[in-house]
N, C-alpha and C. Protein backbone atom coordinates (compact mmCIF):
# COMPACT_ATOMS: atom_id res chain seq x y z
N MET A 1 18.18 -12.62 13.25
CA MET A 1 17.92 -11.40 12.69
C MET A 1 16.47 -10.79 12.33
N SER A 2 16.16 -10.03 12.32
CA SER A 2 14.78 -9.51 12.50
C SER A 2 14.48 -8.49 11.47
N GLY A 3 13.63 -8.55 10.41
CA GLY A 3 12.86 -8.11 9.31
C GLY A 3 12.14 -6.73 9.18
N PRO A 4 11.97 -6.60 8.85
CA PRO A 4 10.69 -5.33 8.22
C PRO A 4 9.36 -5.08 9.22
N VAL A 5 8.78 -4.28 9.55
CA VAL A 5 7.46 -4.33 10.10
C VAL A 5 6.35 -3.20 10.14
N LEU A 6 5.64 -3.88 9.41
CA LEU A 6 3.99 -2.38 9.16
C LEU A 6 3.29 -2.53 10.84
N VAL A 7 2.53 -1.82 10.59
CA VAL A 7 1.41 -1.50 11.23
C VAL A 7 0.11 -0.81 10.71
N ILE A 8 -1.00 -1.73 11.30
CA ILE A 8 -2.09 -1.07 10.55
C ILE A 8 -3.09 -0.74 11.28
N GLU A 9 -3.81 0.73 10.91
CA GLU A 9 -4.06 1.22 12.89
C GLU A 9 -5.50 0.87 12.06
N LEU A 10 -6.13 0.40 13.38
CA LEU A 10 -7.51 0.22 13.05
C LEU A 10 -8.61 1.43 14.34
N ALA A 11 -9.84 1.38 13.60
CA ALA A 11 -10.34 2.82 14.14
C ALA A 11 -11.20 1.73 15.25
N GLU A 12 -11.47 0.72 15.49
CA GLU A 12 -12.58 -0.33 16.45
C GLU A 12 -12.10 -1.91 16.36
N ALA A 13 -12.37 -2.45 17.36
CA ALA A 13 -12.37 -3.89 17.58
C ALA A 13 -12.96 -4.41 15.74
N VAL A 14 -11.90 -5.96 15.53
CA VAL A 14 -12.22 -6.18 14.33
C VAL A 14 -13.31 -7.51 14.67
N PRO A 15 -14.24 -7.32 13.99
CA PRO A 15 -14.91 -8.29 14.40
C PRO A 15 -14.77 -9.65 14.10
N HIS A 16 -15.36 -10.05 15.14
CA HIS A 16 -15.03 -12.05 14.47
C HIS A 16 -15.19 -12.46 13.74
N SER A 17 -16.25 -11.84 13.17
CA SER A 17 -16.29 -12.57 11.65
C SER A 17 -15.32 -12.47 10.74
N ALA A 18 -14.63 -10.98 11.06
CA ALA A 18 -13.67 -10.76 9.94
C ALA A 18 -12.02 -11.33 10.88
N ILE A 19 -12.00 -11.53 11.59
CA ILE A 19 -11.14 -11.93 12.43
C ILE A 19 -11.05 -14.07 11.72
N GLN A 20 -11.51 -14.57 12.16
CA GLN A 20 -12.12 -15.82 10.66
C GLN A 20 -11.92 -16.07 9.12
N ARG A 21 -12.22 -15.06 8.86
CA ARG A 21 -11.84 -14.65 7.30
C ARG A 21 -10.44 -14.28 6.89
N LEU A 22 -9.94 -13.40 7.98
CA LEU A 22 -8.19 -13.65 8.20
C LEU A 22 -7.86 -14.61 8.70
N ARG A 23 -7.77 -15.61 9.44
CA ARG A 23 -7.32 -16.62 9.79
C ARG A 23 -7.26 -17.79 8.72
N GLU A 24 -9.10 -17.56 7.66
CA GLU A 24 -8.62 -18.56 6.79
C GLU A 24 -7.97 -18.51 5.53
N PHE A 25 -7.51 -16.76 5.63
CA PHE A 25 -6.96 -16.27 4.29
C PHE A 25 -5.11 -16.81 4.78
N LEU A 26 -5.03 -16.33 5.91
CA LEU A 26 -4.11 -16.70 6.07
C LEU A 26 -3.15 -18.03 6.41
N VAL A 27 -4.16 -19.32 6.69
CA VAL A 27 -4.50 -20.93 6.10
C VAL A 27 -4.03 -20.79 4.64
N ARG A 28 -4.81 -20.38 4.25
CA ARG A 28 -4.51 -21.05 2.23
C ARG A 28 -3.25 -20.40 1.91
N SER A 29 -2.65 -19.11 2.73
CA SER A 29 -1.52 -18.40 2.16
C SER A 29 -0.25 -19.01 2.54
N SER A 30 -0.14 -19.86 3.33
CA SER A 30 0.50 -20.07 4.53
C SER A 30 1.32 -22.06 4.24
N ALA A 31 2.81 -22.15 3.89
CA ALA A 31 2.91 -23.37 4.36
C ALA A 31 3.17 -24.07 5.55
N ARG A 32 2.94 -22.65 6.37
CA ARG A 32 3.19 -23.13 7.84
C ARG A 32 2.10 -22.13 8.73
N PHE A 33 1.65 -22.71 9.42
CA PHE A 33 0.44 -21.81 10.23
C PHE A 33 0.18 -22.48 11.59
N GLU A 34 0.55 -21.61 12.89
CA GLU A 34 0.32 -21.85 14.25
C GLU A 34 -0.90 -20.73 14.84
N GLU A 35 -1.49 -20.84 15.21
CA GLU A 35 -2.60 -20.15 16.48
C GLU A 35 -1.72 -20.01 17.41
N LYS A 36 -1.14 -18.65 17.75
CA LYS A 36 -1.02 -18.95 19.13
C LYS A 36 -2.07 -18.53 20.08
N ARG A 37 -2.78 -17.66 19.82
CA ARG A 37 -4.40 -17.63 20.25
C ARG A 37 -5.16 -16.36 19.16
N VAL A 38 -6.43 -16.29 19.49
CA VAL A 38 -7.22 -15.74 18.26
C VAL A 38 -6.47 -14.16 18.22
N GLY A 39 -6.15 -14.41 16.98
CA GLY A 39 -5.60 -12.97 16.64
C GLY A 39 -4.09 -12.92 16.29
N GLU A 40 -3.32 -13.78 16.42
CA GLU A 40 -2.12 -13.91 16.79
C GLU A 40 -0.99 -15.25 16.18
N TYR A 41 -0.74 -15.00 15.08
CA TYR A 41 -0.29 -16.31 13.92
C TYR A 41 0.84 -16.00 13.31
N ASP A 42 1.88 -17.25 13.54
CA ASP A 42 3.11 -17.52 13.72
C ASP A 42 3.26 -18.11 12.09
N LEU A 43 3.50 -17.36 10.76
CA LEU A 43 3.32 -18.48 9.90
C LEU A 43 4.81 -18.24 8.97
N HIS A 44 4.21 -18.86 7.73
CA HIS A 44 5.84 -19.52 6.90
C HIS A 44 4.78 -19.25 5.63
N ILE A 45 4.45 -17.54 5.51
CA ILE A 45 4.26 -17.26 4.00
C ILE A 45 4.27 -17.97 2.94
N ARG A 46 3.66 -18.57 1.61
CA ARG A 46 4.47 -18.56 0.44
C ARG A 46 4.13 -17.50 -0.50
N ALA A 47 5.92 -17.13 -0.56
CA ALA A 47 5.58 -15.56 -1.53
C ALA A 47 4.39 -15.56 -2.82
N GLU A 48 4.69 -17.06 -3.15
CA GLU A 48 4.06 -16.66 -4.64
C GLU A 48 2.30 -16.68 -4.57
N SER A 49 1.96 -16.74 -3.19
CA SER A 49 0.16 -16.77 -3.19
C SER A 49 0.11 -14.93 -2.84
N LEU A 50 0.90 -14.08 -2.90
CA LEU A 50 0.84 -12.97 -2.80
C LEU A 50 0.96 -12.17 -4.04
N GLY A 51 1.45 -13.03 -5.37
CA GLY A 51 2.55 -12.60 -6.32
C GLY A 51 3.47 -12.39 -6.41
N ILE A 52 4.26 -12.65 -5.30
CA ILE A 52 5.86 -12.49 -5.64
C ILE A 52 6.54 -13.64 -5.88
N THR A 53 6.73 -13.91 -7.47
CA THR A 53 7.49 -14.74 -8.13
C THR A 53 9.06 -14.47 -8.27
N ASP A 54 9.37 -13.45 -7.69
CA ASP A 54 11.56 -13.27 -7.90
C ASP A 54 11.59 -13.31 -6.37
N THR A 55 12.14 -14.85 -5.42
CA THR A 55 12.70 -15.07 -4.43
C THR A 55 13.97 -14.67 -4.28
N ALA A 56 14.68 -14.23 -5.13
CA ALA A 56 15.99 -13.76 -5.56
C ALA A 56 17.08 -14.86 -4.82
N GLY A 57 16.22 -16.20 -4.83
CA GLY A 57 17.45 -17.39 -4.84
C GLY A 57 16.92 -17.84 -3.19
N VAL A 58 16.50 -17.09 -2.36
CA VAL A 58 15.54 -17.45 -0.88
C VAL A 58 14.34 -18.13 -0.83
N ASP A 59 14.49 -18.59 0.11
CA ASP A 59 12.91 -19.97 0.28
C ASP A 59 11.93 -19.17 0.15
N GLY A 60 11.15 -19.57 -0.58
CA GLY A 60 10.08 -18.54 -0.85
C GLY A 60 8.72 -18.49 0.46
N HIS A 61 8.86 -19.34 1.02
CA HIS A 61 8.34 -19.72 2.45
C HIS A 61 9.10 -18.44 3.55
N ARG A 62 8.22 -17.59 3.93
CA ARG A 62 8.90 -16.73 4.84
C ARG A 62 8.39 -16.49 5.95
N PRO A 63 9.18 -16.36 7.43
CA PRO A 63 8.43 -16.77 8.90
C PRO A 63 8.23 -15.24 9.15
N ILE A 64 6.94 -15.20 9.43
CA ILE A 64 6.40 -13.61 9.88
C ILE A 64 4.80 -14.05 10.77
N LEU A 65 5.22 -12.78 11.78
CA LEU A 65 4.43 -13.10 12.50
C LEU A 65 3.34 -12.29 11.95
N VAL A 66 2.49 -12.52 12.51
CA VAL A 66 0.54 -11.37 12.53
C VAL A 66 0.23 -11.54 13.82
N SER A 67 -0.17 -9.64 14.31
CA SER A 67 -0.80 -10.15 15.38
C SER A 67 -1.67 -8.67 15.77
N LEU A 68 -3.07 -8.90 16.35
CA LEU A 68 -3.77 -8.31 16.09
C LEU A 68 -3.90 -8.08 17.77
N MET A 69 -4.32 -6.41 17.95
CA MET A 69 -3.69 -6.30 19.27
C MET A 69 -4.41 -4.80 19.92
N GLY A 70 -4.84 -5.20 21.34
CA GLY A 70 -5.88 -3.80 21.80
C GLY A 70 -6.54 -4.64 22.56
N PRO A 71 -7.63 -3.39 23.44
CA PRO A 71 -8.63 -3.81 24.27
C PRO A 71 -9.37 -5.48 24.41
N GLY A 72 -9.54 -6.34 24.74
CA GLY A 72 -10.17 -6.98 24.37
C GLY A 72 -9.88 -8.32 23.44
N ILE A 73 -8.49 -7.76 23.08
CA ILE A 73 -7.75 -8.79 22.25
C ILE A 73 -6.37 -8.93 22.05
N GLY A 74 -6.09 -9.44 22.05
CA GLY A 74 -4.04 -9.18 22.04
C GLY A 74 -3.64 -8.45 23.00
N ASP A 75 -2.34 -8.27 23.62
CA ASP A 75 -1.27 -7.14 24.12
C ASP A 75 -1.28 -5.97 24.20
N GLU A 76 -3.22 -5.65 25.52
CA GLU A 76 -2.77 -3.66 25.95
C GLU A 76 -2.17 -3.65 25.95
N ALA A 77 -0.93 -3.89 26.56
CA ALA A 77 0.02 -3.21 27.27
C ALA A 77 1.18 -3.13 25.76
N VAL A 78 1.21 -3.61 25.30
CA VAL A 78 2.01 -3.58 23.96
C VAL A 78 1.77 -2.71 22.92
N PHE A 79 0.26 -2.87 22.98
CA PHE A 79 -0.46 -1.91 22.31
C PHE A 79 -0.39 -0.42 22.89
N GLU A 80 -0.24 -0.28 24.25
CA GLU A 80 -0.41 1.01 24.59
C GLU A 80 0.70 1.55 24.18
N ALA A 81 1.96 0.75 24.52
CA ALA A 81 3.27 1.35 24.51
C ALA A 81 3.87 1.84 23.01
N GLU A 82 3.36 0.79 22.11
CA GLU A 82 3.84 1.41 20.40
C GLU A 82 2.75 2.32 20.19
N HIS A 83 2.18 2.98 20.97
CA HIS A 83 0.97 4.15 20.63
C HIS A 83 1.32 5.18 21.55
N ALA A 84 2.07 5.39 22.55
CA ALA A 84 2.50 6.21 23.36
C ALA A 84 3.22 7.26 22.34
N ASP A 85 4.39 6.71 22.05
CA ASP A 85 5.25 7.93 21.37
C ASP A 85 4.34 9.00 20.10
N GLU A 86 3.08 8.05 19.82
CA GLU A 86 2.75 8.16 18.25
C GLU A 86 2.32 10.06 18.77
N VAL A 87 2.29 10.84 17.40
CA VAL A 87 1.52 11.97 17.01
C VAL A 87 0.10 11.87 17.33
N ASP A 88 -0.89 12.93 17.60
CA ASP A 88 -2.10 12.28 17.36
C ASP A 88 -2.43 12.36 16.08
N GLN A 89 -3.01 11.39 15.73
CA GLN A 89 -3.14 10.55 14.27
C GLN A 89 -4.66 11.18 13.96
N GLU A 90 -5.61 11.59 14.36
CA GLU A 90 -6.74 12.00 14.11
C GLU A 90 -6.58 12.58 13.03
N PRO A 91 -6.06 14.11 13.25
CA PRO A 91 -6.31 14.95 12.00
C PRO A 91 -5.35 14.20 10.86
N LEU A 92 -4.77 12.83 11.13
CA LEU A 92 -3.55 12.40 9.66
C LEU A 92 -4.88 11.56 9.12
N ILE A 93 -5.34 10.56 9.68
CA ILE A 93 -6.24 9.57 9.65
C ILE A 93 -7.35 9.58 9.78
N GLY A 94 -7.65 10.40 10.37
CA GLY A 94 -9.10 10.57 10.27
C GLY A 94 -10.02 10.06 11.80
N PHE A 95 -9.05 9.09 12.51
CA PHE A 95 -9.81 8.38 14.14
C PHE A 95 -8.49 8.23 14.50
N THR A 96 -8.56 7.45 16.15
CA THR A 96 -7.56 7.63 17.40
C THR A 96 -7.68 6.23 17.08
N PRO A 97 -6.45 5.63 16.68
CA PRO A 97 -6.71 3.96 16.92
C PRO A 97 -6.73 3.24 18.07
N THR A 98 -7.83 2.26 18.20
CA THR A 98 -8.46 1.54 19.56
C THR A 98 -7.35 0.17 19.17
N HIS A 99 -7.46 -0.32 18.11
CA HIS A 99 -6.65 -1.34 17.96
C HIS A 99 -5.46 -1.47 16.79
N ALA A 100 -4.90 -2.70 16.94
CA ALA A 100 -3.67 -2.59 15.49
C ALA A 100 -3.52 -3.72 15.08
N VAL A 101 -2.80 -3.94 14.47
CA VAL A 101 -2.19 -5.63 13.74
C VAL A 101 -0.83 -4.85 13.35
N ASP A 102 0.24 -5.88 13.76
CA ASP A 102 1.75 -5.58 13.34
C ASP A 102 1.56 -6.97 12.65
N VAL A 103 2.39 -6.47 11.17
CA VAL A 103 2.64 -7.74 10.83
C VAL A 103 4.60 -7.40 10.85
N ILE A 104 5.26 -8.70 10.92
CA ILE A 104 6.45 -9.03 11.72
C ILE A 104 7.45 -10.07 10.75
N ALA A 105 8.41 -9.17 10.13
CA ALA A 105 9.26 -10.27 9.56
C ALA A 105 10.01 -10.92 10.11
N PHE A 106 10.59 -12.02 10.27
CA PHE A 106 11.78 -12.36 10.58
C PHE A 106 12.95 -12.28 10.45
N CYS A 107 13.03 -11.92 8.58
CA CYS A 107 14.31 -12.29 8.06
C CYS A 107 13.95 -11.10 7.46
N ASN A 108 15.15 -10.44 7.05
CA ASN A 108 15.70 -9.23 6.27
C ASN A 108 15.99 -9.36 4.78
N SER A 109 15.71 -9.93 4.02
CA SER A 109 15.94 -10.03 2.74
C SER A 109 15.06 -9.12 1.97
N PRO A 110 15.68 -8.81 0.73
CA PRO A 110 14.29 -8.01 -0.09
C PRO A 110 13.02 -8.55 -0.32
N VAL A 111 13.05 -9.84 -0.25
CA VAL A 111 11.62 -10.53 -0.35
C VAL A 111 10.96 -10.44 0.69
N ASP A 112 11.66 -10.05 1.59
CA ASP A 112 11.03 -10.21 2.97
C ASP A 112 10.48 -8.99 3.32
N HIS A 113 10.51 -7.65 2.84
CA HIS A 113 10.34 -6.79 2.76
C HIS A 113 9.03 -6.56 1.88
N ALA A 114 8.91 -7.21 0.83
CA ALA A 114 8.60 -7.17 -0.67
C ALA A 114 6.86 -8.04 0.18
N VAL A 115 7.13 -9.44 0.69
CA VAL A 115 6.08 -10.28 1.38
C VAL A 115 5.33 -9.34 2.84
N THR A 116 6.09 -8.48 3.88
CA THR A 116 5.42 -8.01 4.24
C THR A 116 4.44 -7.18 4.16
N ALA A 117 5.00 -6.07 2.76
CA ALA A 117 3.80 -4.75 2.27
C ALA A 117 2.59 -6.23 1.54
N ARG A 118 2.94 -6.88 1.09
CA ARG A 118 2.02 -7.64 0.18
C ARG A 118 0.99 -8.10 1.45
N LEU A 119 1.48 -8.85 2.13
CA LEU A 119 0.75 -9.54 3.60
C LEU A 119 -0.21 -8.39 4.20
N THR A 120 0.88 -7.33 4.25
CA THR A 120 -0.37 -6.50 5.09
C THR A 120 -1.51 -5.66 4.31
N ALA A 121 -1.50 -5.50 3.02
CA ALA A 121 -1.91 -5.05 1.88
C ALA A 121 -3.28 -5.81 2.32
N ALA A 122 -2.66 -7.66 1.98
CA ALA A 122 -3.61 -8.46 1.60
C ALA A 122 -4.99 -8.38 2.92
N ILE A 123 -4.20 -7.78 4.47
CA ILE A 123 -4.84 -8.36 5.25
C ILE A 123 -5.59 -7.08 5.72
N MET A 124 -5.46 -5.95 5.39
CA MET A 124 -6.30 -4.92 5.42
C MET A 124 -7.52 -4.89 4.69
N ASP A 125 -7.30 -5.54 3.23
CA ASP A 125 -8.68 -6.16 2.42
C ASP A 125 -9.56 -6.96 3.36
N VAL A 126 -9.16 -7.90 3.79
CA VAL A 126 -9.71 -8.08 4.68
C VAL A 126 -10.68 -7.62 6.14
N ILE A 127 -9.57 -6.92 6.81
CA ILE A 127 -10.12 -6.41 8.54
C ILE A 127 -10.37 -4.69 7.99
N GLY A 128 -9.56 -3.87 7.32
CA GLY A 128 -9.61 -2.47 6.94
C GLY A 128 -8.52 -2.25 7.78
N GLY A 129 -8.79 -0.73 8.00
CA GLY A 129 -7.51 -0.24 8.46
C GLY A 129 -7.02 0.61 7.40
N VAL A 130 -6.03 1.45 8.10
CA VAL A 130 -4.76 2.19 7.28
C VAL A 130 -3.26 1.92 8.02
N ALA A 131 -2.00 1.27 6.78
CA ALA A 131 -0.71 1.16 6.84
C ALA A 131 -0.07 2.02 7.71
N ASN A 132 0.63 2.19 8.80
CA ASN A 132 1.19 2.97 9.14
C ASN A 132 2.81 2.73 9.00
N ALA A 133 3.58 3.37 8.01
CA ALA A 133 4.52 2.89 7.77
C ALA A 133 6.10 4.01 7.59
N GLU A 134 6.75 3.26 8.67
CA GLU A 134 7.95 4.26 9.08
C GLU A 134 8.72 4.62 7.62
N LEU A 135 9.61 5.53 7.68
CA LEU A 135 10.08 5.66 6.34
C LEU A 135 11.50 6.85 6.64
N ARG A 136 12.78 6.26 5.56
CA ARG A 136 13.53 6.84 5.95
C ARG A 136 13.63 8.39 4.73
N GLU A 137 14.15 9.31 5.13
CA GLU A 137 14.37 10.69 4.40
C GLU A 137 14.27 10.77 3.33
N ASP A 138 15.19 9.56 2.41
CA ASP A 138 15.07 9.66 1.07
C ASP A 138 14.12 9.20 0.51
N GLN A 139 13.26 8.04 1.39
CA GLN A 139 11.72 7.65 0.73
C GLN A 139 10.35 8.46 0.58
N VAL A 140 10.50 9.55 1.62
CA VAL A 140 9.49 10.59 1.89
C VAL A 140 9.28 11.06 0.14
N PRO A 141 9.84 11.29 -0.49
CA PRO A 141 9.45 11.99 -2.29
C PRO A 141 9.00 10.55 -2.72
N ILE A 142 9.50 9.99 -2.54
CA ILE A 142 9.31 8.43 -3.44
C ILE A 142 7.22 8.15 -3.05
N VAL A 143 7.43 8.05 -1.79
CA VAL A 143 6.07 7.71 -1.45
C VAL A 143 4.73 8.81 -1.53
N ALA A 144 5.11 9.83 -1.65
CA ALA A 144 4.47 11.06 -1.55
C ALA A 144 3.47 11.16 -2.16
N GLY A 145 3.88 10.94 -4.01
CA GLY A 145 2.75 10.63 -4.81
C GLY A 145 2.01 9.50 -5.16
N LEU A 146 2.22 8.27 -4.40
CA LEU A 146 1.46 7.14 -4.72
C LEU A 146 0.37 7.42 -4.20
N PRO A 147 -0.53 6.55 -5.40
CA PRO A 147 -1.75 6.47 -4.51
C PRO A 147 -2.00 5.71 -3.73
N GLY A 148 -3.21 6.34 -3.20
CA GLY A 148 -3.33 5.78 -2.01
C GLY A 148 -3.18 6.35 -0.78
N ILE A 149 -2.04 7.12 -0.72
CA ILE A 149 -1.57 7.82 0.52
C ILE A 149 -2.42 8.64 0.82
N VAL A 150 -2.79 8.24 2.16
CA VAL A 150 -3.83 9.04 3.27
C VAL A 150 -2.98 10.31 3.64
N ALA A 151 -1.59 10.00 4.56
CA ALA A 151 -0.83 11.12 4.98
C ALA A 151 0.11 11.11 5.22
N THR A 152 1.53 12.32 5.20
CA THR A 152 2.77 11.50 5.82
C THR A 152 2.45 13.17 6.97
N THR A 153 3.81 12.18 7.77
CA THR A 153 4.15 13.20 8.96
C THR A 153 5.97 12.96 9.12
N ASN A 154 6.42 13.84 9.90
CA ASN A 154 7.97 14.21 10.40
C ASN A 154 8.30 14.06 11.85
N ASP A 155 7.49 14.16 12.09
CA ASP A 155 7.34 13.55 13.86
C ASP A 155 6.63 13.09 14.51
N PRO A 156 7.34 11.69 15.36
CA PRO A 156 8.82 12.37 15.34
C PRO A 156 9.67 11.84 14.43
N GLY A 157 9.69 10.77 13.33
CA GLY A 157 10.37 10.77 12.29
C GLY A 157 9.47 10.71 10.84
N PRO A 158 10.02 10.67 9.95
CA PRO A 158 9.29 10.64 8.78
C PRO A 158 8.39 9.10 8.29
N ALA A 159 7.08 9.39 8.63
CA ALA A 159 6.05 8.30 8.40
C ALA A 159 5.13 8.46 7.26
N ALA A 160 4.68 7.24 6.77
CA ALA A 160 3.23 7.62 5.86
C ALA A 160 2.47 6.61 6.09
N TYR A 161 1.00 7.14 6.02
CA TYR A 161 -0.22 6.33 6.20
C TYR A 161 -0.88 6.29 4.73
N GLY A 162 -1.23 5.01 4.54
CA GLY A 162 -1.79 4.56 3.39
C GLY A 162 -2.76 3.26 3.48
N SER A 163 -3.26 3.35 2.01
CA SER A 163 -4.40 2.18 2.05
C SER A 163 -3.33 0.95 1.50
N ALA A 164 -4.11 -0.19 1.37
CA ALA A 164 -3.35 -1.89 0.82
C ALA A 164 -3.47 -0.90 -0.75
N GLU A 165 -3.82 -0.21 -1.48
CA GLU A 165 -3.09 0.19 -2.82
C GLU A 165 -1.79 0.58 -2.77
N PHE A 166 -1.80 1.89 -1.51
CA PHE A 166 -0.52 2.35 -1.71
C PHE A 166 0.69 1.22 -1.28
N LEU A 167 0.42 -0.10 -0.50
CA LEU A 167 1.59 -0.51 -0.06
C LEU A 167 1.68 -1.91 -0.94
N ARG A 168 1.45 -1.61 -2.17
CA ARG A 168 1.15 -2.54 -3.34
C ARG A 168 1.88 -1.70 -3.79
N GLU A 169 1.51 -0.54 -4.62
CA GLU A 169 2.40 -0.02 -5.81
C GLU A 169 3.83 0.46 -5.04
N TRP A 170 3.89 0.86 -3.62
CA TRP A 170 5.22 1.44 -3.18
C TRP A 170 5.99 -0.12 -3.24
N SER A 171 5.43 -1.19 -2.99
CA SER A 171 6.56 -2.29 -3.11
C SER A 171 6.69 -3.06 -4.36
N GLU A 172 6.23 -2.59 -5.25
CA GLU A 172 6.79 -2.58 -7.18
C GLU A 172 7.93 -1.58 -7.50
N ARG A 173 8.27 -0.85 -6.81
CA ARG A 173 9.06 0.32 -6.95
C ARG A 173 10.92 -0.03 -6.65
N PRO A 174 11.34 0.10 -7.37
CA PRO A 174 12.67 -0.79 -7.99
C PRO A 174 13.28 -0.09 -6.12
N GLY A 175 14.11 -0.72 -5.57
CA GLY A 175 14.88 -0.66 -4.76
C GLY A 175 14.18 -0.62 -3.42
N PHE A 176 12.70 -1.07 -3.45
CA PHE A 176 11.72 -1.13 -2.08
C PHE A 176 12.20 -1.77 -0.95
N ARG A 177 12.14 -0.93 -0.02
CA ARG A 177 12.56 -1.32 1.55
C ARG A 177 12.15 -1.04 2.45
N LEU A 178 11.38 -1.27 3.60
CA LEU A 178 11.03 -1.07 4.59
C LEU A 178 11.88 -0.91 5.72
N LEU A 179 11.30 0.06 6.50
CA LEU A 179 12.18 -0.15 8.06
C LEU A 179 12.13 -1.03 9.16
N LYS A 180 13.09 -1.05 9.86
CA LYS A 180 12.70 -2.27 11.11
C LYS A 180 11.93 -1.81 11.57
């Protein structure tokens, strides 16, 4: 079963020194760490390392894939395919993404949604960028007033762009869920 996904949009390639800091953070936060290639990590993130103490009875080691992509790193074709249907993001976030990081959970319990949001925020603390979160229609008014919102859009579907602070604040809301 697949779980939630968040994307970090980036204005430029991530410097190697930032990738190294990201790798070090992921190693410290993981019960299991496998580097598939530079910038792509298969992990079992420890929920408590992200400040999540209530795992609702599921194992606190959550399976996640973190994948940096774009020209010169990762799968350029996947980056291009994922961004082909996007609206012009420059008026929304101030730049046209050249690279991105996908944060993909492999399970779909409520704790996986919280881990995905908090891990994405922590990655943004290291490498920067703007989170791109797809929304359900009923979530639009919930996120609209949160700190760290950069922009929202309804084309092609509801989405919010925001900072790490936005993801942390949203993940604290009752009933928080990401879309797949």
